[in-house]
Amino acid sequence: MHRRDFLARGAAAFGAVWLLPVQAPVGQKFDVTRTDAEWRKLLTPEQYDVLRHEATERPFTSPLLHEKRRGTFACAGCALDVFSSTTKFESGTGWPSFWAPINDKAIGIARDVSFGMVREAVFCRRCGGHLGHVFDDGT
């Protein structure tokens, strides 16, 4: 089962926050590329803000937060499966959270130093869409 609208309402895997734009590494090439106008036409305004500008929804408002069905979570920008329901966990952050991608080729990681903190921004390997952040929770 695919939840192709994984990011439809700004769900941000790994618990994302509203931040200044953090793009995938400069010069990174993606299999799926579109113009800004094409992205805007393809995605809802919320999807566009999250995937292309690293926005997020308010915590605890995502319909996927309490999603319990087995299946995969796919990038809304290109339909690449990025997370499995078997790695979803309750982080207490208010956003759907996962402890691993579906495989090593599904995501990329970029260093993000915005807001005075160092963290890892997660992006879709196929289209570069922002998926969220990895936070060191001490475990």
Protein backbone atom coordinates (compact mmCIF):
# COMPACT_ATOMS: atom_id res chain seq x y z
CA MET A 1 0.00 0.00 0.00
CA HIS A 2 1.43 3.38 -1.03
CA ARG A 3 0.65 6.60 0.71
CA ARG A 4 1.63 8.78 -2.20
CA ASP A 5 0.53 11.85 -0.39
CA PHE A 6 3.11 11.17 2.35
CA LEU A 7 4.09 14.80 2.32
CA ALA A 8 0.69 16.07 1.25
CA ARG A 9 0.19 18.05 4.39
CA GLY A 10 3.81 18.74 5.10
CA ALA A 11 4.52 15.57 7.02
CA ALA A 12 8.19 15.58 7.62
CA ALA A 13 9.84 12.29 8.34
CA PHE A 14 12.30 12.42 11.15
CA GLY A 15 10.55 15.45 12.67
CA ALA A 16 11.16 18.54 10.57
CA VAL A 17 10.79 22.14 11.63
CA TRP A 18 10.15 25.35 9.70
CA LEU A 19 13.57 26.47 8.60
CA LEU A 20 15.51 28.55 6.19
CA PRO A 21 15.95 26.76 2.88
CA VAL A 22 18.44 23.93 2.97
CA GLN A 23 18.92 22.44 -0.45
CA ALA A 24 20.35 19.09 -1.37
CA PRO A 25 24.10 19.35 -1.95
CA VAL A 26 25.00 21.88 -4.64
CA GLY A 27 25.55 20.18 -7.97
CA GLN A 28 23.52 17.11 -6.97
CA LYS A 29 21.83 15.60 -10.02
CA PHE A 30 18.42 13.98 -9.70
CA ASP A 31 16.59 11.56 -11.98
CA VAL A 32 13.40 13.62 -11.68
CA THR A 33 13.81 17.33 -12.37
CA ARG A 34 11.17 19.94 -13.04
CA THR A 35 10.92 23.69 -13.33
CA ASP A 36 9.45 25.62 -10.43
CA ALA A 37 6.26 26.12 -12.44
CA GLU A 38 6.02 22.37 -13.09
CA TRP A 39 6.48 21.58 -9.38
CA ARG A 40 3.76 24.09 -8.49
CA LYS A 41 1.38 22.50 -11.00
CA LEU A 42 2.13 18.94 -9.86
CA LEU A 43 2.00 19.48 -6.09
CA THR A 44 -0.53 20.97 -3.71
CA PRO A 45 0.60 24.25 -2.11
CA GLU A 46 1.45 22.39 1.10
CA GLN A 47 3.42 19.70 -0.72
CA TYR A 48 5.27 22.34 -2.70
CA ASP A 49 6.23 24.29 0.42
CA VAL A 50 7.58 21.17 2.15
CA LEU A 51 9.30 19.43 -0.76
CA ARG A 52 10.75 22.48 -2.48
CA HIS A 53 11.17 24.97 0.40
CA GLU A 54 11.55 22.79 3.51
CA ALA A 55 8.41 24.04 5.24
CA THR A 56 6.36 21.92 7.60
CA GLU A 57 2.92 21.69 9.08
CA ARG A 58 2.15 22.38 12.72
CA PRO A 59 3.09 19.48 14.97
CA PHE A 60 0.40 16.89 15.80
CA THR A 61 -1.75 17.84 12.78
CA SER A 62 -0.61 15.24 10.24
CA PRO A 63 -3.13 12.52 9.41
CA LEU A 64 -0.12 10.22 8.99
CA LEU A 65 1.03 10.73 12.57
CA HIS A 66 -1.23 7.95 13.84
CA GLU A 67 -1.15 5.84 10.67
CA LYS A 68 -0.81 2.18 11.70
CA ARG A 69 -1.45 0.26 8.47
CA ARG A 70 1.41 -1.74 7.00
CA GLY A 71 2.89 -0.40 3.79
CA THR A 72 5.28 2.16 2.41
CA PHE A 73 5.49 5.92 2.54
CA ALA A 74 6.39 7.46 -0.81
CA CYS A 75 7.75 10.85 -1.81
CA ALA A 76 4.91 13.05 -3.06
CA GLY A 77 7.22 14.59 -5.67
CA CYS A 78 8.20 11.43 -7.53
CA ALA A 79 6.46 8.45 -5.87
CA LEU A 80 9.74 6.84 -4.77
CA ASP A 81 9.20 4.60 -1.75
CA VAL A 82 11.26 6.21 1.00
CA PHE A 83 10.09 4.68 4.30
CA SER A 84 8.43 1.47 5.47
CA SER A 85 5.73 1.30 8.10
CA THR A 86 7.95 -1.24 9.89
CA THR A 87 10.42 1.55 10.78
CA LYS A 88 7.82 4.11 11.88
CA PHE A 89 7.84 4.99 15.58
CA GLU A 90 6.26 7.41 18.03
CA SER A 91 8.88 10.08 18.62
CA GLY A 92 6.70 12.46 20.59
CA THR A 93 7.67 15.27 18.20
CA GLY A 94 4.26 15.57 16.54
CA TRP A 95 5.46 14.44 13.11
CA PRO A 96 5.64 10.97 11.57
CA SER A 97 9.06 9.57 12.43
CA PHE A 98 11.13 6.70 11.08
CA TRP A 99 14.34 5.12 12.33
CA ALA A 100 15.58 4.07 8.87
CA PRO A 101 14.85 4.61 5.17
CA ILE A 102 13.34 1.81 3.13
CA ASN A 103 16.80 1.20 1.63
CA ASP A 104 20.15 2.94 1.25
CA LYS A 105 19.24 4.33 -2.18
CA ALA A 106 15.97 6.01 -1.17
CA ILE A 107 17.29 9.11 0.57
CA GLY A 108 20.20 11.49 0.73
CA ILE A 109 21.52 13.49 3.67
CA ALA A 110 22.71 17.10 3.70
CA ARG A 111 24.20 19.02 6.61
CA ASP A 112 21.93 21.79 7.88
CA VAL A 113 23.31 24.49 10.16
CA SER A 114 20.28 26.81 10.17
CA PHE A 115 18.78 28.20 13.37
CA GLY A 116 22.08 27.89 15.21
CA MET A 117 22.04 24.10 15.33
CA VAL A 118 23.73 21.32 13.40
CA ARG A 119 21.50 18.56 12.05
CA GLU A 120 20.99 16.40 9.02
CA ALA A 121 18.36 17.27 6.43
CA VAL A 122 16.90 14.26 4.64
CA PHE A 123 15.99 14.49 0.96
CA CYS A 124 14.57 12.17 -1.69
CA ARG A 125 17.33 10.71 -3.86
CA ARG A 126 15.15 10.70 -6.98
CA CYS A 127 13.81 14.29 -6.99
CA GLY A 128 15.63 16.10 -4.17
CA GLY A 129 12.41 16.76 -2.26
CA HIS A 130 12.86 17.69 1.40
CA LEU A 131 11.69 14.87 3.70
CA GLY A 132 12.65 16.21 7.11
CA HIS A 133 15.50 16.10 9.58
CA VAL A 134 17.40 13.58 11.63
CA PHE A 135 17.68 14.56 15.27
CA ASP A 136 20.10 12.99 17.73
CA ASP A 137 17.76 11.83 20.47
CA GLY A 138 20.54 10.33 22.55
CA THR A 139 19.66 6.70 21.96
